[in-house]
Amino acid sequence: MAWSTQRLADLAGTTVKAVRHYHRIGLLEEPARASNGYKQYQPAHLVRLLQIKRMSSLGVSLSQIGAMERADQKSDEAIRVLDAELADTIERLQRIRAELAVMLKHRAPLDTPPPFGPVADKLGERDHALVTVYSQVFNDDALDDLRQLISERDDHDDEFEALPEDADDATIDELAGHMAVAIRAHQDRFPWMKDPGSAAPRGKQFAEAVIAPAVADLYNPAQLKAIARAHTLSQKLRSTEGTDADDGQADS
């Protein structure tokens, strides 16, 4: 007794298209043909088709099924490999669910980087864009520190956000002075901020190549001047403190 392609597919609970695909990729042998050219499938083909379905239902990809057989891989080894892959998948899905729970709790946009979900309501459009860039650059510990700082926004942050592009130098300098003090405090609290590249897994050059253009695009000229002057002032503050400490030791 022999079956047609359609009959074989029906018996196996699959489709003719699937049967033909398995032929093309070498998972299912072609059957003999009758004198009229029609394929003549045998019980062995049905068994093989059901085996493919079974392994597929367990999450084994078609390419893996073929590779296992070509390498004569033992069943227990294949099961261990599959179990490890499923464990990774479960861990990934659990992490995604945890992230979604945080987003729902804080009503954060779906595209918010995971560490910043709890402070999503404090992120303006520019901040949201910037932390998205940061999430591509810095390690998890650094991102946690940045989230903490965002949760502690002060009046000077709002002043910076509102700084118009035509702000005069006196206004910029005054704001930069306040920002410099804050930068100095942040660096004392989070030492990696003295050398941000140290918290960038892909290195300092990568960090600069990603962050510098983003900052230049997100802030207006007055804000960029304030940032530059604030960092220069913070370095002077550090140098001055170092000199004062040396003087104190000399006096003693």
Protein backbone atom coordinates (compact mmCIF):
# COMPACT_ATOMS: atom_id res chain seq x y z
CA MET A 1 0.00 0.00 0.00
CA ALA A 2 1.28 3.46 -0.88
CA TRP A 3 0.08 6.99 -0.19
CA SER A 4 0.07 10.19 -2.18
CA THR A 5 1.73 13.36 -0.84
CA GLN A 6 -1.65 14.76 0.18
CA ARG A 7 -2.63 11.54 1.94
CA LEU A 8 0.70 11.36 3.78
CA ALA A 9 0.32 14.95 4.92
CA ASP A 10 -3.21 14.26 6.15
CA LEU A 11 -2.13 11.17 8.08
CA ALA A 12 0.71 13.07 9.75
CA GLY A 13 -1.40 16.12 10.50
CA THR A 14 0.76 18.45 8.45
CA THR A 15 0.69 20.05 5.02
CA VAL A 16 1.86 19.14 1.53
CA LYS A 17 3.99 22.29 1.62
CA ALA A 18 5.76 21.06 4.76
CA VAL A 19 6.40 17.63 3.24
CA ARG A 20 7.94 19.21 0.14
CA HIS A 21 10.06 21.49 2.30
CA TYR A 22 11.41 18.53 4.26
CA HIS A 23 12.36 16.93 0.95
CA ARG A 24 14.20 20.08 -0.17
CA ILE A 25 16.31 20.33 2.99
CA GLY A 26 17.08 16.63 3.14
CA LEU A 27 15.11 15.63 6.22
CA LEU A 28 12.66 13.37 4.38
CA GLU A 29 13.73 10.98 1.64
CA GLU A 30 11.99 11.12 -1.69
CA PRO A 31 9.76 8.07 -2.26
CA ALA A 32 9.71 5.85 -5.29
CA ARG A 33 7.32 6.81 -8.07
CA ALA A 34 4.68 4.76 -9.84
CA SER A 35 4.70 4.33 -13.60
CA ASN A 36 2.39 7.32 -13.90
CA GLY A 37 4.93 9.52 -12.06
CA TYR A 38 3.02 9.86 -8.80
CA LYS A 39 4.95 9.54 -5.57
CA GLN A 40 4.39 6.38 -3.57
CA TYR A 41 4.91 7.03 0.14
CA GLN A 42 5.39 4.09 2.48
CA PRO A 43 4.87 3.68 6.27
CA ALA A 44 8.56 4.47 6.80
CA HIS A 45 7.93 7.95 5.38
CA LEU A 46 5.04 8.46 7.78
CA VAL A 47 7.17 7.37 10.73
CA ARG A 48 9.93 9.77 9.69
CA LEU A 49 7.47 12.63 9.22
CA LEU A 50 5.98 12.04 12.66
CA GLN A 51 9.48 11.98 14.17
CA ILE A 52 10.25 15.35 12.60
CA LYS A 53 6.99 16.76 13.98
CA ARG A 54 7.76 15.41 17.43
CA MET A 55 11.22 16.94 17.60
CA SER A 56 9.93 20.24 16.20
CA SER A 57 7.23 20.34 18.89
CA LEU A 58 9.99 20.11 21.51
CA GLY A 59 11.68 23.17 20.09
CA VAL A 60 14.33 21.50 17.95
CA SER A 61 14.85 23.50 14.76
CA LEU A 62 14.89 21.74 11.42
CA SER A 63 18.55 22.60 10.93
CA GLN A 64 19.34 21.10 14.34
CA ILE A 65 17.46 17.91 13.44
CA GLY A 66 19.58 17.53 10.32
CA ALA A 67 22.83 18.38 12.11
CA MET A 68 22.14 15.92 14.90
CA GLU A 69 21.74 13.10 12.45
CA ARG A 70 24.72 14.01 10.29
CA ALA A 71 26.90 14.06 13.40
CA ASP A 72 25.29 10.89 14.72
CA GLN A 73 24.57 12.81 17.91
CA LYS A 74 23.25 10.68 20.74
CA SER A 75 19.77 11.40 22.00
CA ASP A 76 20.84 12.25 25.56
CA GLU A 77 23.37 14.78 24.32
CA ALA A 78 20.78 16.38 22.06
CA ILE A 79 18.35 16.58 24.97
CA ARG A 80 20.92 18.29 27.17
CA VAL A 81 21.67 20.85 24.45
CA LEU A 82 17.97 21.51 23.93
CA ASP A 83 17.35 21.78 27.68
CA ALA A 84 20.12 24.36 28.04
CA GLU A 85 18.69 26.39 25.18
CA LEU A 86 15.22 26.27 26.72
CA ALA A 87 16.65 27.35 30.10
CA ASP A 88 18.20 30.37 28.39
CA THR A 89 14.90 31.14 26.68
CA ILE A 90 12.97 30.87 29.96
CA GLU A 91 15.46 33.19 31.68
CA ARG A 92 15.15 35.71 28.84
CA LEU A 93 11.35 35.61 28.94
CA GLN A 94 11.31 36.00 32.73
CA ARG A 95 13.59 39.02 32.43
CA ILE A 96 11.32 40.53 29.79
CA ARG A 97 8.26 39.95 31.99
CA ALA A 98 10.02 41.64 34.92
CA GLU A 99 10.88 44.62 32.71
CA LEU A 100 7.30 44.83 31.46
CA ALA A 101 6.03 44.77 35.05
CA VAL A 102 8.23 47.77 35.88
CA MET A 103 6.98 49.59 32.78
CA LEU A 104 3.37 48.94 33.70
CA LYS A 105 3.94 50.05 37.29
CA HIS A 106 5.56 53.32 36.25
CA ARG A 107 3.59 53.72 33.03
CA ALA A 108 6.85 53.92 31.12
CA PRO A 109 6.93 53.94 27.30
CA LEU A 110 7.75 50.56 25.80
CA ASP A 111 11.00 51.85 24.31
CA THR A 112 12.37 53.00 27.69
CA PRO A 113 15.73 51.30 28.45
CA PRO A 114 15.19 48.79 31.31
CA PRO A 115 17.17 50.59 34.05
CA PHE A 116 15.20 53.81 33.56
CA GLY A 117 11.65 52.49 33.83
CA PRO A 118 11.22 53.67 37.45
CA VAL A 119 12.15 57.27 36.50
CA ALA A 120 10.37 57.42 33.15
CA ASP A 121 8.03 60.12 34.43
CA LYS A 122 11.03 62.37 35.10
CA LEU A 123 12.41 62.04 31.58
CA GLY A 124 11.75 64.77 29.07
CA GLU A 125 12.00 64.00 25.38
CA ARG A 126 15.69 64.87 25.25
CA ASP A 127 16.50 62.96 28.42
CA HIS A 128 14.66 59.94 27.07
CA ALA A 129 16.76 60.05 23.91
CA LEU A 130 19.96 60.51 25.89
CA VAL A 131 19.41 57.60 28.29
CA THR A 132 18.58 55.45 25.28
CA VAL A 133 22.04 56.26 23.95
CA TYR A 134 23.63 55.74 27.37
CA SER A 135 22.07 52.27 27.57
CA GLN A 136 24.06 51.32 24.48
CA VAL A 137 27.32 52.57 25.97
CA PHE A 138 27.59 52.06 29.74
CA ASN A 139 27.52 48.97 31.94
CA ASP A 140 24.63 48.11 34.25
CA ASP A 141 26.22 49.61 37.37
CA ALA A 142 26.79 52.94 35.64
CA LEU A 143 23.23 52.97 34.32
CA ASP A 144 21.92 52.34 37.85
CA ASP A 145 23.94 55.33 39.06
CA LEU A 146 22.56 57.52 36.29
CA ARG A 147 19.02 56.46 37.18
CA GLN A 148 19.69 57.45 40.78
CA LEU A 149 20.86 60.90 39.70
CA ILE A 150 17.81 61.37 37.49
CA SER A 151 15.58 60.58 40.46
CA GLU A 152 17.30 63.40 42.38
CA ARG A 153 16.84 66.23 39.88
CA ASP A 154 17.22 69.74 41.30
CA ASP A 155 16.40 73.31 40.26
CA HIS A 156 19.60 73.65 38.26
CA ASP A 157 18.57 70.72 36.07
CA ASP A 158 15.34 72.50 35.22
CA GLU A 159 17.26 75.73 34.65
CA PHE A 160 19.55 73.94 32.23
CA GLU A 161 16.62 72.40 30.36
CA ALA A 162 15.01 75.84 30.01
CA LEU A 163 18.21 77.62 28.93
CA PRO A 164 17.45 79.40 25.62
CA GLU A 165 19.87 79.14 22.74
CA ASP A 166 20.41 82.91 22.78
CA ALA A 167 21.33 83.03 26.46
CA ASP A 168 24.09 85.57 27.25
CA ASP A 169 27.50 84.57 28.56
CA ALA A 170 26.78 85.81 32.08
CA THR A 171 23.74 83.54 32.35
CA ILE A 172 25.65 80.60 30.90
CA ASP A 173 28.60 81.17 33.24
CA GLU A 174 26.38 81.38 36.31
CA LEU A 175 24.61 78.14 35.41
CA ALA A 176 27.92 76.45 34.54
CA GLY A 177 29.20 77.33 38.01
CA HIS A 178 26.28 75.56 39.66
CA MET A 179 26.64 72.60 37.31
CA ALA A 180 30.37 72.34 38.03
CA VAL A 181 29.71 71.93 41.75
CA ALA A 182 27.13 69.24 40.98
CA ILE A 183 29.51 67.45 38.60
CA ARG A 184 32.22 67.48 41.27
CA ALA A 185 29.81 65.98 43.79
CA HIS A 186 28.65 63.34 41.33
CA GLN A 187 32.23 62.33 40.58
CA ASP A 188 32.98 61.97 44.29
CA ARG A 189 29.89 59.85 44.72
CA PHE A 190 30.36 57.79 41.55
CA PRO A 191 34.12 57.67 40.76
CA TRP A 192 33.62 56.19 37.26
CA MET A 193 32.22 59.58 36.19
CA LYS A 194 35.75 61.00 36.38
CA ASP A 195 36.57 58.67 33.50
CA PRO A 196 33.29 57.61 31.83
CA GLY A 197 35.15 55.38 29.39
CA SER A 198 36.02 53.08 32.28
CA ALA A 199 32.31 52.16 32.55
CA ALA A 200 31.94 51.54 28.82
CA PRO A 201 32.35 47.82 27.98
CA ARG A 202 33.16 48.66 24.36
CA GLY A 203 35.80 51.20 25.29
CA LYS A 204 36.33 54.94 25.55
CA GLN A 205 36.52 55.58 21.80
CA PHE A 206 33.21 53.85 21.21
CA ALA A 207 31.61 55.81 24.06
CA GLU A 208 32.82 59.12 22.67
CA ALA A 209 31.80 58.22 19.13
CA VAL A 210 28.24 57.52 20.28
CA ILE A 211 27.67 60.12 23.01
CA ALA A 212 29.35 63.22 21.57
CA PRO A 213 27.20 63.43 18.40
CA ALA A 214 24.05 62.67 20.40
CA VAL A 215 24.72 65.45 22.91
CA ALA A 216 25.58 67.88 20.11
CA ASP A 217 22.30 67.07 18.38
CA LEU A 218 20.07 67.10 21.45
CA TYR A 219 21.10 70.40 23.09
CA ASN A 220 21.16 73.95 21.84
CA PRO A 221 24.38 76.01 21.54
CA ALA A 222 23.93 77.73 24.91
CA GLN A 223 23.40 74.41 26.67
CA LEU A 224 26.48 72.95 24.99
CA LYS A 225 28.53 75.94 26.17
CA ALA A 226 27.20 75.45 29.69
CA ILE A 227 28.17 71.76 29.64
CA ALA A 228 31.68 72.49 28.35
CA ARG A 229 32.29 75.31 30.82
CA ALA A 230 30.89 73.28 33.72
CA HIS A 231 33.30 70.42 33.05
CA THR A 232 36.22 72.83 32.75
CA LEU A 233 35.25 74.47 36.04
CA SER A 234 34.83 71.11 37.77
CA GLN A 235 38.38 70.18 36.76
CA LYS A 236 39.64 73.49 38.15
CA LEU A 237 37.76 72.82 41.38
CA ARG A 238 39.44 69.44 41.68
CA SER A 239 42.86 70.95 40.97
CA THR A 240 42.29 73.69 43.53
CA GLU A 241 41.22 71.18 46.17
CA GLY A 242 44.31 69.13 45.43
CA THR A 243 46.54 72.20 45.83
CA ASP A 244 44.83 73.17 49.09
CA ALA A 245 45.35 69.66 50.43
CA ASP A 246 49.07 69.79 49.54
CA ASP A 247 49.39 73.21 51.22
CA GLY A 248 47.73 71.85 54.32
CA GLN A 249 50.16 68.96 54.51
CA ALA A 250 53.10 71.31 54.02
CA ASP A 251 51.87 73.58 56.84
CA SER A 252 51.55 70.65 59.16
